[in-house]
Amino acid sequence: MRKKLFTVIDPDLEGNKLNYAYDFLMMATIVTSLVPLAFKETNSIFHWINIITVSIFIFDYLFRLSMADFLLKKSAASFFIYPFTPMAVIDLLSILPSVSILGSGFRILKVFRLMRTLRVLHVFKFLRYSKSFDIISGVFKKQRKVLSAVATLACGYVMISALVVFNVEPESFDTFFDAVYWATISLTTVGYGDIYPVTTVGRIVTMFSSVFGIAIIALPSGVITAGYLSEVNKSKSDDKNENKEKEE
């Protein structure tokens, strides 16, 4: 019985109508749950939307937890490991803000309203229910070493640029964090203009930072694009092979 129920959420099962229907239901629920976040005021409709969608999320979380041994394939240990997996953590964090038993009677408890923001994590649940993200996740898995190297290079470049400009032009940056902030927006070529060097030396540092920043930002874009095209071609090739096998 449990094995049959598992086919509803089996991520490796293709062409199962119940699997597709369940994915569609969860994606529709995720979209619906985000609607109240687009409004400042609340009403009874939004209240019921929250109750219904969170109830579905709780059921989904418990359902997946009960199938943890099939999902992780680690026998009884799966039930203890599953709650700490990335997607399970996202599921739990997206549920908690809506099931808080804290009332609004005490002013200090208003700080817990910040947990409302965690409902945005519902968006990340798309990664589970949308098959389209399998290709993207495959790209990041295969290119993780290269992307990690680029990320390390970018972080190092930001810190070095921040140290240089902070010492070259200390009057323009009150704290080292301000220099890091400036280096980051220069690296990404955003350039908000709220913090900027005013001396000649500081501007020269900015020019070099911007030029090299473009090169660093371009690296992951090329890696991801190449990896994506490779995964798409592989997917098409697999589909052709499957079609040939069916025809034979």
Foldseek 3Di string as FASTA:
>chain_A
DLVVVVLLQPLPDPPDPSVLVVLVVLVVLLVLLCVVVVDPDDDPVNVVSLVVSLVVLVVVLVSCLVCQCVVVVPPPCSNVCVCVDPLNVLSVLLNVLSPDPDDPPDPVCCVSVVSVVSVVSSVVCNCRSPPVCVLLVVLCVVCVVVVVVLVVVLVVLLLVLLVVLCVVAVVQPVDSVSSSVVLVCLLVVNCPPPGADDDPVRVVSSVVSNVVSVVSVVVVVVSSVVSSVVSVVVVVVVVVVVVVVVVD
